[in-house]
Amino acid sequence: MNSRKTELLVGAFVAMAIAAALMLAIHVANQGMESNGETYRLYAKFDNIGGLKERSAVKVGGVTIGRVDSIRLDPSDFTPVVEMTISKQYMEFPETSSVAVLTSGLLGEQYIGFTPGFSFDGIENLQDGDYIEDTKSALVLEDLIGQFLFGRDSE
């Protein structure tokens, strides 16, 4: 009887540990855009997005300000168009801002790095539905290794 009670306690402890790990995973996955829900959309065209995925973070200096909402190909020139959802509390970015596809660590997850531009009279702020003109594509590790092994491209 004593061993059955021990088995039940161990089973309950394991179930609680699994539930806690699941709750932690859910919390970490939804981390970032915890605001009042008000957002606006920005778009950017890239030559190469590498391994960027929907729900990837949009960060300014390591602070998550939004998420990648969707990725599609522009039907006119077949370049990737990234749609970003940005929290409305970050609406003061000038239209001279730029975005780049960056990687967390050497082989980590890719995200959008947002760099605020300069602001002076005559420069408007980015509005809902605007395209960010200044973009930098992803660095593809295989291309860099190939250039190193087989020589540089002729200039």
C-alpha atoms as a PDB file:
ATOM      1  CA  MET A   1       0.000   0.000   0.000  1.00  0.00           C
ATOM      2  CA  ASN A   2       2.884   2.328   0.842  1.00  0.00           C
ATOM      3  CA  SER A   3       4.528   1.785  -2.571  1.00  0.00           C
ATOM      4  CA  ARG A   4       1.243   2.589  -4.392  1.00  0.00           C
ATOM      5  CA  LYS A   5       0.994   5.882  -2.507  1.00  0.00           C
ATOM      6  CA  THR A   6       4.605   6.699  -3.472  1.00  0.00           C
ATOM      7  CA  GLU A   7       3.899   5.866  -7.114  1.00  0.00           C
ATOM      8  CA  LEU A   8       0.859   8.177  -7.127  1.00  0.00           C
ATOM      9  CA  LEU A   9       2.877  11.028  -5.595  1.00  0.00           C
ATOM     10  CA  VAL A  10       5.683  10.572  -8.109  1.00  0.00           C
ATOM     11  CA  GLY A  11       3.141  10.470 -10.966  1.00  0.00           C
ATOM     12  CA  ALA A  12       1.482  13.669  -9.720  1.00  0.00           C
ATOM     13  CA  PHE A  13       4.887  15.369  -9.443  1.00  0.00           C
ATOM     14  CA  VAL A  14       5.842  14.349 -13.006  1.00  0.00           C
ATOM     15  CA  ALA A  15       2.467  15.578 -14.351  1.00  0.00           C
ATOM     16  CA  MET A  16       2.937  18.938 -12.608  1.00  0.00           C
ATOM     17  CA  ALA A  17       6.492  19.236 -13.984  1.00  0.00           C
ATOM     18  CA  ILE A  18       5.249  18.575 -17.536  1.00  0.00           C
ATOM     19  CA  ALA A  19       2.436  21.124 -17.097  1.00  0.00           C
ATOM     20  CA  ALA A  20       4.915  23.724 -15.794  1.00  0.00           C
ATOM     21  CA  ALA A  21       7.275  23.110 -18.728  1.00  0.00           C
ATOM     22  CA  LEU A  22       4.352  23.459 -21.163  1.00  0.00           C
ATOM     23  CA  MET A  23       3.233  26.737 -19.555  1.00  0.00           C
ATOM     24  CA  LEU A  24       6.810  28.072 -19.731  1.00  0.00           C
ATOM     25  CA  ALA A  25       7.071  27.144 -23.413  1.00  0.00           C
ATOM     26  CA  ILE A  26       3.773  28.890 -24.192  1.00  0.00           C
ATOM     27  CA  HIS A  27       4.849  32.000 -22.297  1.00  0.00           C
ATOM     28  CA  VAL A  28       8.216  32.174 -24.067  1.00  0.00           C
ATOM     29  CA  ALA A  29       6.596  31.665 -27.504  1.00  0.00           C
ATOM     30  CA  ASN A  30       4.175  34.561 -26.964  1.00  0.00           C
ATOM     31  CA  GLN A  31       6.781  36.869 -25.480  1.00  0.00           C
ATOM     32  CA  GLY A  32       7.315  40.257 -27.055  1.00  0.00           C
ATOM     33  CA  MET A  33       4.145  41.971 -28.271  1.00  0.00           C
ATOM     34  CA  GLU A  34       2.309  42.288 -24.969  1.00  0.00           C
ATOM     35  CA  SER A  35       0.593  45.626 -25.430  1.00  0.00           C
ATOM     36  CA  ASN A  36      -2.986  46.771 -25.592  1.00  0.00           C
ATOM     37  CA  GLY A  37      -3.317  45.041 -28.972  1.00  0.00           C
ATOM     38  CA  GLU A  38      -3.233  48.165 -31.130  1.00  0.00           C
ATOM     39  CA  THR A  39      -0.863  47.694 -34.057  1.00  0.00           C
ATOM     40  CA  TYR A  40      -0.026  49.063 -37.472  1.00  0.00           C
ATOM     41  CA  ARG A  41       1.455  47.372 -40.539  1.00  0.00           C
ATOM     42  CA  LEU A  42       4.681  48.116 -42.369  1.00  0.00           C
ATOM     43  CA  TYR A  43       6.049  46.393 -45.477  1.00  0.00           C
ATOM     44  CA  ALA A  44       9.580  45.797 -46.750  1.00  0.00           C
ATOM     45  CA  LYS A  45      10.974  44.177 -49.929  1.00  0.00           C
ATOM     46  CA  PHE A  46      14.143  42.114 -49.687  1.00  0.00           C
ATOM     47  CA  ASP A  47      16.315  40.363 -52.275  1.00  0.00           C
ATOM     48  CA  ASN A  48      16.814  37.400 -49.915  1.00  0.00           C
ATOM     49  CA  ILE A  49      15.131  36.701 -46.565  1.00  0.00           C
ATOM     50  CA  GLY A  50      17.155  33.570 -45.737  1.00  0.00           C
ATOM     51  CA  GLY A  51      15.323  31.504 -43.121  1.00  0.00           C
ATOM     52  CA  LEU A  52      13.014  34.272 -41.881  1.00  0.00           C
ATOM     53  CA  LYS A  53       9.618  32.914 -40.838  1.00  0.00           C
ATOM     54  CA  GLU A  54       6.207  34.258 -39.950  1.00  0.00           C
ATOM     55  CA  ARG A  55       5.993  35.239 -36.250  1.00  0.00           C
ATOM     56  CA  SER A  56       9.705  36.151 -36.219  1.00  0.00           C
ATOM     57  CA  ALA A  57      10.496  39.155 -34.043  1.00  0.00           C
ATOM     58  CA  VAL A  58      10.990  42.732 -35.225  1.00  0.00           C
ATOM     59  CA  LYS A  59      13.552  44.324 -32.896  1.00  0.00           C
ATOM     60  CA  VAL A  60      15.132  47.717 -32.284  1.00  0.00           C
ATOM     61  CA  GLY A  61      18.333  47.383 -30.275  1.00  0.00           C
ATOM     62  CA  GLY A  62      17.214  44.028 -28.861  1.00  0.00           C
ATOM     63  CA  VAL A  63      13.747  45.263 -27.833  1.00  0.00           C
ATOM     64  CA  THR A  64      10.887  43.466 -29.575  1.00  0.00           C
ATOM     65  CA  ILE A  65       8.532  46.031 -31.124  1.00  0.00           C
ATOM     66  CA  GLY A  66       6.570  43.735 -33.439  1.00  0.00           C
ATOM     67  CA  ARG A  67       6.318  40.491 -35.350  1.00  0.00           C
ATOM     68  CA  VAL A  68       6.517  39.324 -38.962  1.00  0.00           C
ATOM     69  CA  ASP A  69       2.894  38.815 -39.954  1.00  0.00           C
ATOM     70  CA  SER A  70       3.288  37.318 -43.424  1.00  0.00           C
ATOM     71  CA  ILE A  71       5.817  36.713 -46.189  1.00  0.00           C
ATOM     72  CA  ARG A  72       4.821  36.628 -49.861  1.00  0.00           C
ATOM     73  CA  LEU A  73       6.337  37.100 -53.309  1.00  0.00           C
ATOM     74  CA  ASP A  74       5.632  40.276 -55.218  1.00  0.00           C
ATOM     75  CA  PRO A  75       3.982  39.067 -58.456  1.00  0.00           C
ATOM     76  CA  SER A  76       5.623  41.780 -60.574  1.00  0.00           C
ATOM     77  CA  ASP A  77       9.303  41.112 -59.785  1.00  0.00           C
ATOM     78  CA  PHE A  78       9.205  37.936 -57.643  1.00  0.00           C
ATOM     79  CA  THR A  79      10.993  39.466 -54.651  1.00  0.00           C
ATOM     80  CA  PRO A  80       9.959  38.618 -51.082  1.00  0.00           C
ATOM     81  CA  VAL A  81       7.681  41.139 -49.384  1.00  0.00           C
ATOM     82  CA  VAL A  82       7.605  40.980 -45.589  1.00  0.00           C
ATOM     83  CA  GLU A  83       4.562  42.328 -43.755  1.00  0.00           C
ATOM     84  CA  MET A  84       5.355  43.435 -40.192  1.00  0.00           C
ATOM     85  CA  THR A  85       2.909  44.183 -37.404  1.00  0.00           C
ATOM     86  CA  ILE A  86       4.304  46.890 -35.107  1.00  0.00           C
ATOM     87  CA  SER A  87       2.857  47.989 -31.766  1.00  0.00           C
ATOM     88  CA  LYS A  88       1.201  51.436 -31.988  1.00  0.00           C
ATOM     89  CA  GLN A  89       3.255  52.694 -29.067  1.00  0.00           C
ATOM     90  CA  TYR A  90       6.192  52.772 -31.525  1.00  0.00           C
ATOM     91  CA  MET A  91       4.708  55.085 -34.179  1.00  0.00           C
ATOM     92  CA  GLU A  92       7.408  57.760 -34.090  1.00  0.00           C
ATOM     93  CA  PHE A  93       9.863  56.143 -36.512  1.00  0.00           C
ATOM     94  CA  PRO A  94      10.861  58.418 -39.421  1.00  0.00           C
ATOM     95  CA  GLU A  95      10.497  57.227 -43.005  1.00  0.00           C
ATOM     96  CA  THR A  96      14.304  57.203 -43.314  1.00  0.00           C
ATOM     97  CA  SER A  97      14.403  54.098 -41.084  1.00  0.00           C
ATOM     98  CA  SER A  98      15.896  50.859 -42.386  1.00  0.00           C
ATOM     99  CA  VAL A  99      15.386  47.144 -41.782  1.00  0.00           C
ATOM    100  CA  ALA A 100      17.709  44.164 -42.123  1.00  0.00           C
ATOM    101  CA  VAL A 101      17.340  40.401 -41.788  1.00  0.00           C
ATOM    102  CA  LEU A 102      19.641  39.487 -38.894  1.00  0.00           C
ATOM    103  CA  THR A 103      20.561  36.263 -37.112  1.00  0.00           C
ATOM    104  CA  SER A 104      20.660  35.570 -33.371  1.00  0.00           C
ATOM    105  CA  GLY A 105      24.107  34.067 -32.893  1.00  0.00           C
ATOM    106  CA  LEU A 106      26.076  32.227 -35.556  1.00  0.00           C
ATOM    107  CA  LEU A 107      23.410  29.718 -36.597  1.00  0.00           C
ATOM    108  CA  GLY A 108      20.419  31.042 -34.634  1.00  0.00           C
ATOM    109  CA  GLU A 109      16.938  32.152 -35.491  1.00  0.00           C
ATOM    110  CA  GLN A 110      16.513  35.026 -37.932  1.00  0.00           C
ATOM    111  CA  TYR A 111      14.636  38.225 -37.127  1.00  0.00           C
ATOM    112  CA  ILE A 112      14.066  41.715 -38.538  1.00  0.00           C
ATOM    113  CA  GLY A 113      16.440  44.338 -37.160  1.00  0.00           C
ATOM    114  CA  PHE A 114      14.798  47.763 -37.349  1.00  0.00           C
ATOM    115  CA  THR A 115      17.107  50.810 -37.350  1.00  0.00           C
ATOM    116  CA  PRO A 116      15.445  54.183 -36.754  1.00  0.00           C
ATOM    117  CA  GLY A 117      16.468  56.805 -39.299  1.00  0.00           C
ATOM    118  CA  PHE A 118      17.313  60.437 -38.865  1.00  0.00           C
ATOM    119  CA  SER A 119      14.564  62.971 -38.410  1.00  0.00           C
ATOM    120  CA  PHE A 120      14.421  66.635 -39.347  1.00  0.00           C
ATOM    121  CA  ASP A 121      11.886  69.060 -40.828  1.00  0.00           C
ATOM    122  CA  GLY A 122      10.229  67.630 -43.913  1.00  0.00           C
ATOM    123  CA  ILE A 123      10.752  63.974 -42.931  1.00  0.00           C
ATOM    124  CA  GLU A 124       7.459  62.236 -42.195  1.00  0.00           C
ATOM    125  CA  ASN A 125       6.931  59.368 -39.756  1.00  0.00           C
ATOM    126  CA  LEU A 126       6.073  55.885 -41.016  1.00  0.00           C
ATOM    127  CA  GLN A 127       2.330  55.317 -41.202  1.00  0.00           C
ATOM    128  CA  ASP A 128       0.130  52.242 -41.433  1.00  0.00           C
ATOM    129  CA  GLY A 129       0.694  50.521 -44.795  1.00  0.00           C
ATOM    130  CA  ASP A 130       3.993  52.252 -45.654  1.00  0.00           C
ATOM    131  CA  TYR A 131       6.883  50.467 -47.359  1.00  0.00           C
ATOM    132  CA  ILE A 132      10.332  50.771 -45.837  1.00  0.00           C
ATOM    133  CA  GLU A 133      12.653  51.572 -48.732  1.00  0.00           C
ATOM    134  CA  ASP A 134      16.052  50.914 -47.130  1.00  0.00           C
ATOM    135  CA  THR A 135      16.410  47.133 -46.671  1.00  0.00           C
ATOM    136  CA  LYS A 136      19.369  44.801 -46.197  1.00  0.00           C
ATOM    137  CA  SER A 137      18.966  41.150 -47.132  1.00  0.00           C
ATOM    138  CA  ALA A 138      20.000  38.140 -45.097  1.00  0.00           C
ATOM    139  CA  LEU A 139      23.575  36.930 -45.123  1.00  0.00           C
ATOM    140  CA  VAL A 140      23.505  33.347 -46.335  1.00  0.00           C
ATOM    141  CA  LEU A 141      26.209  31.327 -44.622  1.00  0.00           C
ATOM    142  CA  GLU A 142      26.552  28.908 -47.546  1.00  0.00           C
ATOM    143  CA  ASP A 143      27.255  31.803 -49.940  1.00  0.00           C
ATOM    144  CA  LEU A 144      29.939  33.197 -47.632  1.00  0.00           C
ATOM    145  CA  ILE A 145      31.612  29.801 -47.317  1.00  0.00           C
ATOM    146  CA  GLY A 146      31.478  29.346 -51.098  1.00  0.00           C
ATOM    147  CA  GLN A 147      33.082  32.738 -51.668  1.00  0.00           C
ATOM    148  CA  PHE A 148      35.812  31.893 -49.175  1.00  0.00           C
ATOM    149  CA  LEU A 149      36.532  28.460 -50.655  1.00  0.00           C
ATOM    150  CA  PHE A 150      36.289  29.312 -54.361  1.00  0.00           C
ATOM    151  CA  GLY A 151      37.569  32.886 -54.368  1.00  0.00           C
ATOM    152  CA  ARG A 152      35.902  36.252 -54.517  1.00  0.00           C
ATOM    153  CA  ASP A 153      33.620  37.410 -57.289  1.00  0.00           C
ATOM    154  CA  SER A 154      35.394  39.581 -59.821  1.00  0.00           C
ATOM    155  CA  GLU A 155      34.637  43.252 -59.375  1.00  0.00           C
END
